[in-house]
Amino acid sequence: MIFIEYLVSLFDTFLCVYFISKFNHASLSPKKNKFILPTILVVFAFSVINDLFLKGFNVLGTIIFLTLYIIYSLLIANKKYVRAIVSACTFEIVYILLSSILYLIISSLIKDYDQLSQGADGLYRYIYVLMHKIALFVVLKLILMAFKLDNTVERKQGIIAFIFSFVTILGLGSTMYIASKSSIKNIQIQAILIALSFAFCNVALYFLIYQMQKYQQNKYELKLLQDKINFEEARHNDINNIWSNINKIQHDIKQHLTIISGYIEDNKITDCQKYIQELLPNVDGIGKLITSKNTVLDYLINSKLTALQDTEIVISGSIGDLSDIKESDLVCLIGNILDNAVEAIQNLETKDNKRIELLFMKQNSNRIIICKNTIKKSVLQNNKELKTTKKSKSSHGYGTKIIAKIVSDYNGMIDYFEEFNMFGVQVVLPQKQ
């Protein structure tokens, strides 16, 4: 039984670190999060000491646990200290409340408090521990989903897992109650088998969900890779076209200047202007270059916006240093934001007032990107989650997911809004210190 209690403590430790890390947008990889392994060792070591000398619920143990949770939260908080304290307190409160409620319900059913207590060696303790861990995991997962802190779980999968886990808890409770009231000699063995079956089904379900998530992640990463390949191919083609135009103009520039000079010497200003107008389309073919300190940003804006017809383009502001953001991430982030705006504009009729606004700002240590485009009717009114409205849903709708994933990776924030017949997206990216 001592071994089982140690396993329970280890499970609680891993679950605590998982929840607090997710809540604070911290990595679960020991390579990226150097505090995760020391925290697991310290919390588990204190759990063992607590089990040996301070069995059951005690104020001193609760205070020490909460202190350890808060310390870990603050270490990974990235200056978001309020969120860190909230995450630690949330875990502790959920743990205590769930333990108390479950203990009162089960003990009232079987009329035996001692067999549920820590250190008890029997069927009821085993089933109670199993119920408690399943319930704790589900509640914490729901909290992460409610605050959209766990973006690896799709809503439908989360609902299925919650319903199945809830049924499992009821099934385990019913098994315990039947065992306590039954006079059959071998009922405990049967109850253990039933409990293990429930546990196995839960593990199988979450393994299946994990495999589905892994498949979706691989599909998502393949889409990112394909987008990058398409981007590089398009950039290569556009650069070749640009240089082709430049070389052609350079080759003919002396001849053009000679003709222009001749018109001016002969005072043929009208003919000179006409000749220059004939040259302008060739010059425009080079592209209206927008220059900044970031080559990728320049190319994305120029390649996606300069070809738009009958569209007013407004670009303003300065975003500052983007060197801490991977080029591939910047391509996917800005590229998908602009693609969404361009697609929305192209779906409008010619008579509509087409307009795209792109604003860059920097406030303190935050880089802000705002992109707005004209809309004919509200997008958010009936589609707050921005799900794709295209018929082929399996191959579309990645844009907003890609944007959300990249923003989350850089501990940023994203907001969609509508104002003055325009749809907008605002991305906030903290500057890496």
Protein backbone atom coordinates (compact mmCIF):
# COMPACT_ATOMS: atom_id res chain seq x y z
CA MET A 1 0.00 0.00 0.00
CA ILE A 2 2.93 2.35 0.68
CA PHE A 3 4.10 1.83 -2.90
CA ILE A 4 0.65 2.77 -4.21
CA GLU A 5 0.58 5.92 -2.06
CA TYR A 6 3.97 6.89 -3.52
CA LEU A 7 2.59 6.38 -7.03
CA VAL A 8 -0.38 8.57 -6.13
CA SER A 9 1.94 11.31 -4.85
CA LEU A 10 4.04 11.09 -8.01
CA PHE A 11 0.92 11.36 -10.17
CA ASP A 12 -0.23 14.44 -8.21
CA THR A 13 3.21 15.99 -8.66
CA PHE A 14 3.24 15.49 -12.43
CA LEU A 15 -0.35 16.74 -12.72
CA CYS A 16 0.44 19.85 -10.70
CA VAL A 17 3.50 20.71 -12.78
CA TYR A 18 1.56 20.03 -16.00
CA PHE A 19 -1.35 22.28 -14.99
CA ILE A 20 0.77 25.19 -13.73
CA SER A 21 3.05 25.02 -16.78
CA LYS A 22 0.10 25.03 -19.19
CA PHE A 23 -1.60 27.84 -17.28
CA ASN A 24 1.52 29.99 -17.57
CA HIS A 25 2.26 29.07 -21.22
CA ALA A 26 5.53 27.45 -20.13
CA SER A 27 7.22 24.56 -21.89
CA LEU A 28 6.90 21.01 -20.56
CA SER A 29 10.27 20.08 -22.02
CA PRO A 30 13.15 19.89 -19.49
CA LYS A 31 15.45 21.30 -22.20
CA LYS A 32 13.39 24.47 -22.51
CA ASN A 33 12.11 24.65 -18.92
CA LYS A 34 15.04 24.16 -16.56
CA PHE A 35 12.82 24.43 -13.45
CA ILE A 36 10.51 21.52 -14.25
CA LEU A 37 12.67 18.59 -13.12
CA PRO A 38 13.90 20.20 -9.86
CA THR A 39 10.29 21.11 -9.02
CA ILE A 40 9.08 17.55 -9.61
CA LEU A 41 11.83 16.16 -7.38
CA VAL A 42 11.27 18.68 -4.57
CA VAL A 43 7.46 18.37 -4.55
CA PHE A 44 7.58 14.58 -4.70
CA ALA A 45 10.19 14.45 -1.92
CA PHE A 46 8.01 16.61 0.31
CA SER A 47 4.99 14.44 -0.60
CA VAL A 48 6.85 11.38 0.70
CA ILE A 49 7.83 13.22 3.89
CA ASN A 50 4.27 14.45 4.31
CA ASP A 51 2.91 10.90 3.90
CA LEU A 52 5.32 9.60 6.55
CA PHE A 53 4.95 12.26 9.23
CA LEU A 54 1.84 14.33 8.42
CA LYS A 55 -0.69 11.83 7.09
CA GLY A 56 -4.00 13.04 5.74
CA PHE A 57 -5.09 16.63 5.41
CA ASN A 58 -3.11 19.10 7.54
CA VAL A 59 -2.69 22.84 7.46
CA LEU A 60 1.12 22.81 7.60
CA GLY A 61 1.43 20.43 4.67
CA THR A 62 -1.10 22.43 2.62
CA ILE A 63 0.81 25.68 3.23
CA ILE A 64 4.14 24.12 2.25
CA PHE A 65 2.67 22.57 -0.91
CA LEU A 66 1.09 25.89 -1.92
CA THR A 67 4.39 27.68 -1.29
CA LEU A 68 6.24 25.24 -3.55
CA TYR A 69 3.60 25.63 -6.27
CA ILE A 70 3.81 29.43 -6.12
CA ILE A 71 7.61 29.40 -6.27
CA TYR A 72 7.55 27.23 -9.39
CA SER A 73 4.85 29.41 -10.95
CA LEU A 74 6.82 32.59 -10.34
CA LEU A 75 9.99 31.06 -11.81
CA ILE A 76 8.24 30.33 -15.12
CA ALA A 77 5.89 33.33 -15.07
CA ASN A 78 7.75 35.51 -17.62
CA LYS A 79 6.81 38.60 -15.55
CA LYS A 80 3.11 37.63 -15.43
CA TYR A 81 3.15 37.21 -11.66
CA VAL A 82 -0.59 37.52 -11.04
CA ARG A 83 -1.29 34.69 -13.48
CA ALA A 84 1.42 32.64 -11.76
CA ILE A 85 -0.12 33.02 -8.30
CA VAL A 86 -3.60 32.33 -9.68
CA SER A 87 -2.44 29.08 -11.31
CA ALA A 88 -0.87 27.77 -8.10
CA CYS A 89 -3.85 28.73 -5.95
CA THR A 90 -6.28 27.26 -8.49
CA PHE A 91 -4.60 23.87 -8.38
CA GLU A 92 -4.51 23.81 -4.59
CA ILE A 93 -8.15 24.93 -4.21
CA VAL A 94 -9.40 22.42 -6.81
CA TYR A 95 -7.40 19.64 -5.15
CA ILE A 96 -8.74 20.38 -1.65
CA LEU A 97 -12.36 20.95 -2.70
CA LEU A 98 -12.47 17.87 -4.91
CA SER A 99 -10.89 15.71 -2.21
CA SER A 100 -13.32 16.96 0.44
CA ILE A 101 -16.45 16.62 -1.69
CA LEU A 102 -15.53 13.17 -2.99
CA TYR A 103 -14.55 11.96 0.48
CA LEU A 104 -17.85 13.11 1.99
CA ILE A 105 -19.95 11.53 -0.79
CA ILE A 106 -18.16 8.16 -0.79
CA SER A 107 -17.92 7.89 2.98
CA SER A 108 -21.64 8.59 3.30
CA LEU A 109 -22.34 5.74 0.87
CA ILE A 110 -20.23 3.06 2.50
CA LYS A 111 -20.52 4.38 6.10
CA ASP A 112 -16.82 3.77 6.71
CA TYR A 113 -14.41 6.70 6.99
CA ASP A 114 -11.31 4.75 8.00
CA GLN A 115 -11.17 2.64 4.83
CA LEU A 116 -10.93 5.79 2.67
CA SER A 117 -8.19 7.46 4.69
CA GLN A 118 -4.59 7.64 3.60
CA GLY A 119 -2.70 4.51 4.60
CA ALA A 120 -5.75 2.25 4.53
CA ASP A 121 -5.13 -1.04 2.73
CA GLY A 122 -8.30 -2.22 1.03
CA LEU A 123 -10.68 -2.12 -1.89
CA TYR A 124 -12.40 1.14 -0.95
CA ARG A 125 -9.15 3.09 -0.70
CA TYR A 126 -7.98 1.86 -4.11
CA ILE A 127 -11.25 2.76 -5.82
CA TYR A 128 -11.44 6.11 -4.02
CA VAL A 129 -7.92 7.03 -5.14
CA LEU A 130 -8.72 6.04 -8.72
CA MET A 131 -11.92 8.11 -8.71
CA HIS A 132 -10.12 11.10 -7.22
CA LYS A 133 -7.31 11.11 -9.79
CA ILE A 134 -9.68 10.76 -12.74
CA ALA A 135 -11.90 13.56 -11.41
CA LEU A 136 -8.90 15.80 -10.66
CA PHE A 137 -7.45 15.31 -14.13
CA VAL A 138 -10.78 16.04 -15.83
CA VAL A 139 -11.52 19.17 -13.78
CA LEU A 140 -8.06 20.65 -14.38
CA LYS A 141 -8.32 19.86 -18.08
CA LEU A 142 -11.69 21.61 -18.23
CA ILE A 143 -10.20 24.69 -16.55
CA LEU A 144 -7.44 24.85 -19.15
CA MET A 145 -9.97 24.42 -21.96
CA ALA A 146 -12.31 27.05 -20.48
CA PHE A 147 -9.52 29.63 -20.49
CA LYS A 148 -8.26 28.37 -23.89
CA LEU A 149 -4.88 27.55 -22.35
CA ASP A 150 -4.77 24.04 -23.77
CA ASN A 151 -5.01 24.46 -27.52
CA THR A 152 -3.97 20.88 -28.27
CA VAL A 153 -7.39 19.54 -27.36
CA GLU A 154 -10.26 19.98 -29.75
CA ARG A 155 -13.58 20.82 -28.13
CA LYS A 156 -15.39 17.68 -29.34
CA GLN A 157 -12.61 15.47 -28.05
CA GLY A 158 -12.66 17.27 -24.72
CA ILE A 159 -16.42 16.82 -24.35
CA ILE A 160 -16.19 13.10 -25.18
CA ALA A 161 -13.37 12.61 -22.66
CA PHE A 162 -15.28 14.53 -19.98
CA ILE A 163 -18.50 12.51 -20.46
CA PHE A 164 -16.62 9.21 -20.44
CA SER A 165 -14.64 10.16 -17.33
CA PHE A 166 -17.81 11.30 -15.58
CA VAL A 167 -19.50 7.99 -16.38
CA THR A 168 -16.39 6.21 -15.10
CA ILE A 169 -16.56 8.07 -11.78
CA LEU A 170 -20.24 7.16 -11.41
CA GLY A 171 -19.44 3.56 -12.32
CA LEU A 172 -16.66 3.34 -9.75
CA GLY A 173 -18.88 4.88 -7.10
CA SER A 174 -21.64 2.43 -7.90
CA THR A 175 -19.18 -0.47 -7.75
CA MET A 176 -17.96 0.65 -4.35
CA TYR A 177 -21.51 1.05 -3.04
CA ILE A 178 -22.62 -2.38 -4.32
CA ALA A 179 -19.52 -4.00 -2.80
CA SER A 180 -20.25 -2.41 0.58
CA LYS A 181 -23.83 -3.70 0.59
CA SER A 182 -23.26 -7.12 -0.92
CA SER A 183 -22.93 -10.33 1.08
CA ILE A 184 -21.18 -12.23 -1.74
CA LYS A 185 -17.83 -13.62 -0.57
CA ASN A 186 -15.76 -12.82 -3.65
CA ILE A 187 -17.41 -9.46 -4.38
CA GLN A 188 -14.18 -7.58 -3.67
CA ILE A 189 -12.30 -9.45 -6.39
CA GLN A 190 -15.11 -8.70 -8.84
CA ALA A 191 -15.17 -5.06 -7.79
CA ILE A 192 -11.41 -4.77 -8.32
CA LEU A 193 -11.76 -6.26 -11.81
CA ILE A 194 -14.54 -3.81 -12.63
CA ALA A 195 -12.48 -0.89 -11.32
CA LEU A 196 -9.45 -1.98 -13.33
CA SER A 197 -11.65 -2.28 -16.42
CA PHE A 198 -12.86 1.29 -15.94
CA ALA A 199 -9.28 2.46 -15.47
CA PHE A 200 -8.11 0.61 -18.57
CA CYS A 201 -10.93 2.11 -20.68
CA ASN A 202 -9.99 5.61 -19.50
CA VAL A 203 -6.34 5.10 -20.33
CA ALA A 204 -7.30 3.68 -23.73
CA LEU A 205 -9.58 6.64 -24.43
CA TYR A 206 -6.97 9.24 -23.58
CA PHE A 207 -4.36 7.31 -25.56
CA LEU A 208 -6.72 7.37 -28.56
CA ILE A 209 -7.29 11.12 -28.12
CA TYR A 210 -3.53 11.63 -27.85
CA GLN A 211 -3.00 9.74 -31.10
CA MET A 212 -5.69 11.86 -32.78
CA GLN A 213 -4.00 15.02 -31.52
CA LYS A 214 -0.64 13.74 -32.75
CA TYR A 215 -2.14 13.06 -36.16
CA GLN A 216 -3.65 16.55 -36.26
CA GLN A 217 -0.34 18.05 -35.15
CA ASN A 218 1.53 16.20 -37.90
CA LYS A 219 -1.07 17.36 -40.41
CA TYR A 220 -0.70 20.92 -39.13
CA GLU A 221 3.11 20.78 -39.33
CA LEU A 222 2.87 19.38 -42.86
CA LYS A 223 0.64 22.33 -43.79
CA LEU A 224 3.20 24.75 -42.31
CA LEU A 225 5.97 23.07 -44.28
CA GLN A 226 3.93 23.21 -47.48
CA ASP A 227 3.15 26.88 -46.88
CA LYS A 228 6.86 27.60 -46.44
CA ILE A 229 7.71 25.70 -49.64
CA ASN A 230 5.00 27.58 -51.54
CA PHE A 231 6.24 30.85 -50.11
CA GLU A 232 9.86 30.17 -51.09
CA GLU A 233 8.79 29.08 -54.56
CA ALA A 234 6.63 32.16 -55.04
CA ARG A 235 9.40 34.41 -53.73
CA HIS A 236 11.90 32.79 -56.08
CA ASN A 237 9.60 33.31 -59.08
CA ASP A 238 8.78 36.88 -58.12
CA ILE A 239 12.44 37.75 -57.58
CA ASN A 240 13.28 36.32 -60.99
CA ASN A 241 10.52 38.40 -62.56
CA ILE A 242 11.67 41.52 -60.72
CA TRP A 243 15.29 41.07 -61.80
CA SER A 244 14.18 40.29 -65.34
CA ASN A 245 12.31 43.61 -65.44
CA ILE A 246 15.21 45.45 -63.86
CA ASN A 247 17.71 43.99 -66.32
CA LYS A 248 15.46 44.84 -69.24
CA ILE A 249 15.08 48.44 -68.06
CA GLN A 250 18.82 48.75 -67.37
CA HIS A 251 19.55 47.41 -70.84
CA ASP A 252 17.30 49.98 -72.48
CA ILE A 253 17.85 52.84 -70.02
CA LYS A 254 20.47 54.65 -72.15
CA GLN A 255 18.21 54.53 -75.20
CA HIS A 256 15.24 55.78 -73.19
CA LEU A 257 17.26 58.63 -71.69
CA THR A 258 18.58 59.59 -75.12
CA ILE A 259 15.04 59.80 -76.53
CA ILE A 260 13.79 61.75 -73.50
CA SER A 261 16.76 64.13 -73.76
CA GLY A 262 15.99 64.64 -77.46
CA TYR A 263 12.37 65.51 -76.75
CA ILE A 264 13.46 68.02 -74.14
CA GLU A 265 16.03 69.63 -76.44
CA ASP A 266 13.37 69.98 -79.15
CA ASN A 267 11.01 71.37 -76.50
CA LYS A 268 8.54 68.57 -77.25
CA ILE A 269 7.28 68.35 -73.68
CA THR A 270 4.00 66.68 -74.59
CA ASP A 271 5.75 63.96 -76.58
CA CYS A 272 8.23 63.52 -73.75
CA GLN A 273 5.45 63.06 -71.21
CA LYS A 274 3.68 60.60 -73.48
CA TYR A 275 6.86 58.58 -73.89
CA ILE A 276 7.42 58.51 -70.12
CA GLN A 277 3.83 57.35 -69.60
CA GLU A 278 4.49 54.46 -71.95
CA LEU A 279 7.48 53.44 -69.82
CA LEU A 280 5.64 53.56 -66.48
CA PRO A 281 3.84 50.18 -66.80
CA ASN A 282 7.23 48.50 -67.19
CA VAL A 283 8.52 50.27 -64.11
CA ASP A 284 5.39 49.40 -62.15
CA GLY A 285 6.03 45.77 -62.96
CA ILE A 286 8.98 45.87 -60.59
CA GLY A 287 6.62 46.31 -57.66
CA LYS A 288 5.93 49.11 -55.21
CA LEU A 289 8.64 48.31 -52.72
CA ILE A 290 8.02 49.00 -49.06
CA THR A 291 11.33 49.11 -47.27
CA SER A 292 12.06 48.38 -43.63
CA LYS A 293 14.73 46.61 -41.64
CA ASN A 294 13.05 43.24 -42.15
CA THR A 295 13.41 41.66 -45.59
CA VAL A 296 10.75 39.00 -45.01
CA LEU A 297 8.20 41.58 -43.87
CA ASP A 298 8.93 43.76 -46.90
CA TYR A 299 8.51 40.90 -49.31
CA LEU A 300 5.29 39.60 -47.75
CA ILE A 301 3.61 43.00 -47.86
CA ASN A 302 4.74 43.80 -51.39
CA SER A 303 4.01 40.40 -52.92
CA LYS A 304 0.53 40.08 -51.41
CA LEU A 305 -0.83 43.63 -51.52
CA THR A 306 0.61 45.45 -54.55
CA ALA A 307 -1.25 43.27 -57.08
CA LEU A 308 -4.70 44.07 -55.65
CA GLN A 309 -7.05 45.93 -57.97
CA ASP A 310 -9.42 48.74 -56.88
CA THR A 311 -8.23 48.40 -53.28
CA GLU A 312 -7.00 51.17 -51.02
CA ILE A 313 -3.92 50.04 -49.10
CA VAL A 314 -2.90 51.91 -45.95
CA ILE A 315 0.33 50.88 -44.21
CA SER A 316 1.68 52.84 -41.26
CA GLY A 317 3.74 52.62 -38.10
CA SER A 318 6.90 50.83 -37.07
CA ILE A 319 7.13 47.48 -35.32
CA GLY A 320 10.77 47.52 -34.29
CA ASP A 321 13.06 44.53 -33.91
CA LEU A 322 11.72 41.12 -35.03
CA SER A 323 14.99 39.21 -34.81
CA ASP A 324 13.73 37.01 -31.95
CA ILE A 325 11.00 35.57 -34.21
CA LYS A 326 11.95 32.73 -36.55
CA GLU A 327 11.71 33.63 -40.23
CA SER A 328 9.44 30.64 -40.89
CA ASP A 329 7.10 31.73 -38.08
CA LEU A 330 7.04 35.32 -39.33
CA VAL A 331 6.22 34.10 -42.84
CA CYS A 332 3.34 31.97 -41.58
CA LEU A 333 2.02 34.62 -39.17
CA ILE A 334 2.05 37.71 -41.42
CA GLY A 335 1.40 35.64 -44.53
CA ASN A 336 -1.79 34.10 -43.18
CA ILE A 337 -3.02 37.42 -41.76
CA LEU A 338 -2.57 39.08 -45.16
CA ASP A 339 -3.99 36.08 -47.04
CA ASN A 340 -7.17 36.25 -44.95
CA ALA A 341 -7.51 39.98 -45.61
CA VAL A 342 -6.83 39.64 -49.36
CA GLU A 343 -9.29 36.76 -49.68
CA ALA A 344 -11.99 38.77 -47.91
CA ILE A 345 -11.37 41.75 -50.20
CA GLN A 346 -11.48 39.62 -53.35
CA ASN A 347 -14.89 38.26 -52.34
CA LEU A 348 -16.33 41.79 -52.39
CA GLU A 349 -17.98 43.31 -55.45
CA THR A 350 -16.22 45.93 -57.56
CA LYS A 351 -18.56 48.69 -56.37
CA ASP A 352 -17.71 48.07 -52.72
CA ASN A 353 -15.19 50.32 -51.02
CA LYS A 354 -12.25 47.92 -50.76
CA ARG A 355 -9.67 48.84 -48.17
CA ILE A 356 -6.90 47.08 -46.26
CA GLU A 357 -5.15 48.74 -43.33
CA LEU A 358 -1.93 47.42 -41.86
CA LEU A 359 -0.66 49.09 -38.70
CA PHE A 360 2.53 48.35 -36.77
CA MET A 361 3.11 49.69 -33.27
CA LYS A 362 5.37 49.19 -30.30
CA GLN A 363 4.23 49.80 -26.73
CA ASN A 364 6.83 49.24 -24.03
CA SER A 365 8.11 45.70 -24.72
CA ASN A 366 5.14 44.66 -26.91
CA ARG A 367 5.08 44.58 -30.71
CA ILE A 368 1.55 45.12 -32.05
CA ILE A 369 0.30 44.17 -35.51
CA ILE A 370 -3.19 45.26 -36.58
CA CYS A 371 -4.67 44.28 -39.94
CA LYS A 372 -8.15 45.42 -41.00
CA ASN A 373 -10.13 44.80 -44.17
CA THR A 374 -13.50 45.90 -45.51
CA ILE A 375 -16.46 43.58 -44.96
CA LYS A 376 -19.99 43.67 -46.31
CA LYS A 377 -21.56 41.93 -43.32
CA SER A 378 -20.46 40.87 -39.85
CA VAL A 379 -18.10 37.92 -39.67
CA LEU A 380 -18.09 37.47 -35.89
CA GLN A 381 -21.83 37.67 -35.33
CA ASN A 382 -22.51 34.08 -36.37
CA ASN A 383 -18.96 32.73 -36.38
CA LYS A 384 -17.18 33.86 -33.22
CA GLU A 385 -14.70 31.00 -33.40
CA LEU A 386 -13.82 31.91 -37.01
CA LYS A 387 -14.47 28.44 -38.39
CA THR A 388 -14.09 28.09 -42.15
CA THR A 389 -17.21 28.70 -44.22
CA LYS A 390 -15.80 26.88 -47.25
CA LYS A 391 -17.32 23.61 -48.43
CA SER A 392 -14.01 21.74 -48.19
CA LYS A 393 -13.55 22.12 -44.44
CA SER A 394 -10.87 19.43 -44.25
CA SER A 395 -8.47 21.44 -46.41
CA HIS A 396 -9.31 24.93 -45.17
CA GLY A 397 -9.55 26.83 -41.90
CA TYR A 398 -5.87 26.37 -41.07
CA GLY A 399 -5.11 30.09 -41.28
CA THR A 400 -6.54 31.08 -37.91
CA LYS A 401 -5.12 27.94 -36.27
CA ILE A 402 -1.65 28.69 -37.60
CA ILE A 403 -1.87 32.29 -36.40
CA ALA A 404 -3.08 31.22 -32.95
CA LYS A 405 -0.36 28.57 -32.62
CA ILE A 406 2.48 30.94 -33.51
CA VAL A 407 1.16 33.71 -31.24
CA SER A 408 0.88 31.20 -28.38
CA ASP A 409 4.45 29.96 -29.00
CA TYR A 410 5.74 33.50 -28.45
CA ASN A 411 3.53 34.08 -25.36
CA GLY A 412 1.50 36.65 -27.26
CA MET A 413 -2.18 37.54 -27.51
CA ILE A 414 -4.61 37.68 -30.40
CA ASP A 415 -7.95 39.43 -30.72
CA TYR A 416 -10.51 39.60 -33.53
CA PHE A 417 -12.83 42.61 -33.74
CA GLU A 418 -15.13 44.58 -36.03
CA GLU A 419 -15.57 48.33 -36.36
CA PHE A 420 -16.86 50.72 -39.02
CA ASN A 421 -17.65 47.93 -41.52
CA MET A 422 -14.16 46.50 -41.17
CA PHE A 423 -12.95 43.20 -39.78
CA GLY A 424 -9.72 43.33 -37.84
CA VAL A 425 -7.14 41.13 -36.16
CA GLN A 426 -4.76 42.41 -33.50
CA VAL A 427 -1.65 40.45 -32.56
CA VAL A 428 0.51 41.36 -29.57
CA LEU A 429 3.99 39.81 -29.41
CA PRO A 430 6.12 40.48 -26.32
CA GLN A 431 9.73 41.37 -27.02
CA LYS A 432 12.00 38.58 -25.84
CA GLN A 433 14.28 39.93 -23.15
